Amino acid sequence: MARARENSDSSNRRGRRGADRARPRKYTRVNSEVVDYKDLTLLRRFLSDKGKTRGRRVTGLSRRHQRQLSVAVKRAREIALLPYVGER
């Protein structure tokens, strides 16, 4: 009986694509509470070679940290700490 219950539970989980599984952090966990635009080493880790910001699926950041990262990159670009385009 327990065997049949396991099979029915696994068939229900197929459509969710492993949503109950914790996704590992691919790059790094941001240790600070706020992402600062002056911390260029942190910001450069989340930029591609072309200068684009990597997505949440790639970075593994939370929604809040990813938003803080994008705002910090935009501010750093505005005051010329980071380039708008990467090296060609």
C-alpha atoms as a PDB file:
ATOM      1  CA  MET A   1       0.000   0.000   0.000  1.00  0.00           C
ATOM      2  CA  ALA A   2       2.787   2.405   0.827  1.00  0.00           C
ATOM      3  CA  ARG A   3       4.368   1.607  -2.521  1.00  0.00           C
ATOM      4  CA  ALA A   4       1.275   2.753  -4.421  1.00  0.00           C
ATOM      5  CA  ARG A   5       1.197   6.000  -2.454  1.00  0.00           C
ATOM      6  CA  GLU A   6       4.810   6.760  -3.400  1.00  0.00           C
ATOM      7  CA  ASN A   7       4.049   6.290  -7.083  1.00  0.00           C
ATOM      8  CA  SER A   8       1.041   8.593  -6.975  1.00  0.00           C
ATOM      9  CA  ASP A   9       3.065  11.304  -5.196  1.00  0.00           C
ATOM     10  CA  SER A  10       5.873  11.119  -7.734  1.00  0.00           C
ATOM     11  CA  SER A  11       3.440  11.442 -10.647  1.00  0.00           C
ATOM     12  CA  ASN A  12       2.051  14.670  -9.136  1.00  0.00           C
ATOM     13  CA  ARG A  13       5.518  16.185  -8.881  1.00  0.00           C
ATOM     14  CA  ARG A  14       6.451  15.759 -12.528  1.00  0.00           C
ATOM     15  CA  GLY A  15       4.868  18.997 -13.690  1.00  0.00           C
ATOM     16  CA  ARG A  16       6.534  21.157 -11.051  1.00  0.00           C
ATOM     17  CA  ARG A  17      10.083  20.529 -12.312  1.00  0.00           C
ATOM     18  CA  GLY A  18      11.629  20.017  -8.901  1.00  0.00           C
ATOM     19  CA  ALA A  19      10.155  23.105  -7.249  1.00  0.00           C
ATOM     20  CA  ASP A  20      10.416  21.477  -3.828  1.00  0.00           C
ATOM     21  CA  ARG A  21      14.156  20.965  -4.283  1.00  0.00           C
ATOM     22  CA  ALA A  22      16.449  23.741  -3.050  1.00  0.00           C
ATOM     23  CA  ARG A  23      18.455  25.290  -5.877  1.00  0.00           C
ATOM     24  CA  PRO A  24      22.155  25.597  -5.075  1.00  0.00           C
ATOM     25  CA  ARG A  25      23.889  28.942  -5.374  1.00  0.00           C
ATOM     26  CA  LYS A  26      25.918  28.882  -8.576  1.00  0.00           C
ATOM     27  CA  TYR A  27      28.066  31.938  -8.022  1.00  0.00           C
ATOM     28  CA  THR A  28      28.061  33.139  -4.469  1.00  0.00           C
ATOM     29  CA  ARG A  29      25.772  34.153  -1.718  1.00  0.00           C
ATOM     30  CA  VAL A  30      25.800  37.874  -1.068  1.00  0.00           C
ATOM     31  CA  ASN A  31      26.976  38.175   2.539  1.00  0.00           C
ATOM     32  CA  SER A  32      25.971  41.773   3.058  1.00  0.00           C
ATOM     33  CA  GLU A  33      22.417  42.966   3.539  1.00  0.00           C
ATOM     34  CA  VAL A  34      22.706  45.658   0.863  1.00  0.00           C
ATOM     35  CA  VAL A  35      24.547  45.493  -2.470  1.00  0.00           C
ATOM     36  CA  ASP A  36      26.633  48.662  -2.792  1.00  0.00           C
ATOM     37  CA  TYR A  37      27.387  50.298  -6.140  1.00  0.00           C
ATOM     38  CA  LYS A  38      30.935  51.116  -5.007  1.00  0.00           C
ATOM     39  CA  ASP A  39      31.865  47.445  -4.494  1.00  0.00           C
ATOM     40  CA  LEU A  40      33.133  46.793  -8.019  1.00  0.00           C
ATOM     41  CA  THR A  41      34.612  43.362  -7.330  1.00  0.00           C
ATOM     42  CA  LEU A  42      31.203  42.107  -6.244  1.00  0.00           C
ATOM     43  CA  LEU A  43      29.424  43.705  -9.190  1.00  0.00           C
ATOM     44  CA  ARG A  44      31.876  42.359 -11.774  1.00  0.00           C
ATOM     45  CA  ARG A  45      31.255  38.792 -10.613  1.00  0.00           C
ATOM     46  CA  PHE A  46      27.653  39.095 -11.789  1.00  0.00           C
ATOM     47  CA  LEU A  47      28.385  40.668 -15.179  1.00  0.00           C
ATOM     48  CA  SER A  48      29.115  38.736 -18.360  1.00  0.00           C
ATOM     49  CA  ASP A  49      32.073  39.422 -20.657  1.00  0.00           C
ATOM     50  CA  LYS A  50      29.864  41.626 -22.803  1.00  0.00           C
ATOM     51  CA  GLY A  51      28.812  43.700 -19.786  1.00  0.00           C
ATOM     52  CA  LYS A  52      25.322  42.246 -19.364  1.00  0.00           C
ATOM     53  CA  THR A  53      23.910  41.434 -15.948  1.00  0.00           C
ATOM     54  CA  ARG A  54      23.506  37.693 -15.465  1.00  0.00           C
ATOM     55  CA  GLY A  55      20.016  36.439 -14.660  1.00  0.00           C
ATOM     56  CA  ARG A  56      18.716  35.022 -11.414  1.00  0.00           C
ATOM     57  CA  ARG A  57      18.778  31.479 -12.725  1.00  0.00           C
ATOM     58  CA  VAL A  58      22.489  31.780 -13.409  1.00  0.00           C
ATOM     59  CA  THR A  59      23.532  33.746 -10.323  1.00  0.00           C
ATOM     60  CA  GLY A  60      21.276  31.935  -7.872  1.00  0.00           C
ATOM     61  CA  LEU A  61      20.524  35.151  -5.987  1.00  0.00           C
ATOM     62  CA  SER A  62      17.262  35.874  -4.259  1.00  0.00           C
ATOM     63  CA  ARG A  63      14.787  38.240  -5.873  1.00  0.00           C
ATOM     64  CA  ARG A  64      15.682  41.055  -3.468  1.00  0.00           C
ATOM     65  CA  HIS A  65      19.442  40.717  -3.963  1.00  0.00           C
ATOM     66  CA  GLN A  66      19.079  40.466  -7.744  1.00  0.00           C
ATOM     67  CA  ARG A  67      17.072  43.694  -7.779  1.00  0.00           C
ATOM     68  CA  GLN A  68      19.660  45.421  -5.569  1.00  0.00           C
ATOM     69  CA  LEU A  69      22.373  44.161  -7.896  1.00  0.00           C
ATOM     70  CA  SER A  70      20.704  45.586 -11.002  1.00  0.00           C
ATOM     71  CA  VAL A  71      20.176  48.984  -9.348  1.00  0.00           C
ATOM     72  CA  ALA A  72      23.797  49.026  -8.134  1.00  0.00           C
ATOM     73  CA  VAL A  73      25.100  48.174 -11.629  1.00  0.00           C
ATOM     74  CA  LYS A  74      22.989  50.950 -13.153  1.00  0.00           C
ATOM     75  CA  ARG A  75      24.285  53.470 -10.616  1.00  0.00           C
ATOM     76  CA  ALA A  76      27.899  52.381 -11.138  1.00  0.00           C
ATOM     77  CA  ARG A  77      27.494  52.733 -14.903  1.00  0.00           C
ATOM     78  CA  GLU A  78      25.945  56.172 -14.539  1.00  0.00           C
ATOM     79  CA  ILE A  79      28.945  57.561 -12.651  1.00  0.00           C
ATOM     80  CA  ALA A  80      31.421  55.718 -14.941  1.00  0.00           C
ATOM     81  CA  LEU A  81      32.666  53.111 -12.468  1.00  0.00           C
ATOM     82  CA  LEU A  82      31.527  50.325 -14.823  1.00  0.00           C
ATOM     83  CA  PRO A  83      31.332  50.398 -18.623  1.00  0.00           C
ATOM     84  CA  TYR A  84      28.005  50.072 -20.399  1.00  0.00           C
ATOM     85  CA  VAL A  85      29.515  47.627 -22.898  1.00  0.00           C
ATOM     86  CA  GLY A  86      32.182  45.019 -22.265  1.00  0.00           C
ATOM     87  CA  GLU A  87      35.388  44.483 -24.165  1.00  0.00           C
ATOM     88  CA  ARG A  88      34.925  43.649 -27.829  1.00  0.00           C
END
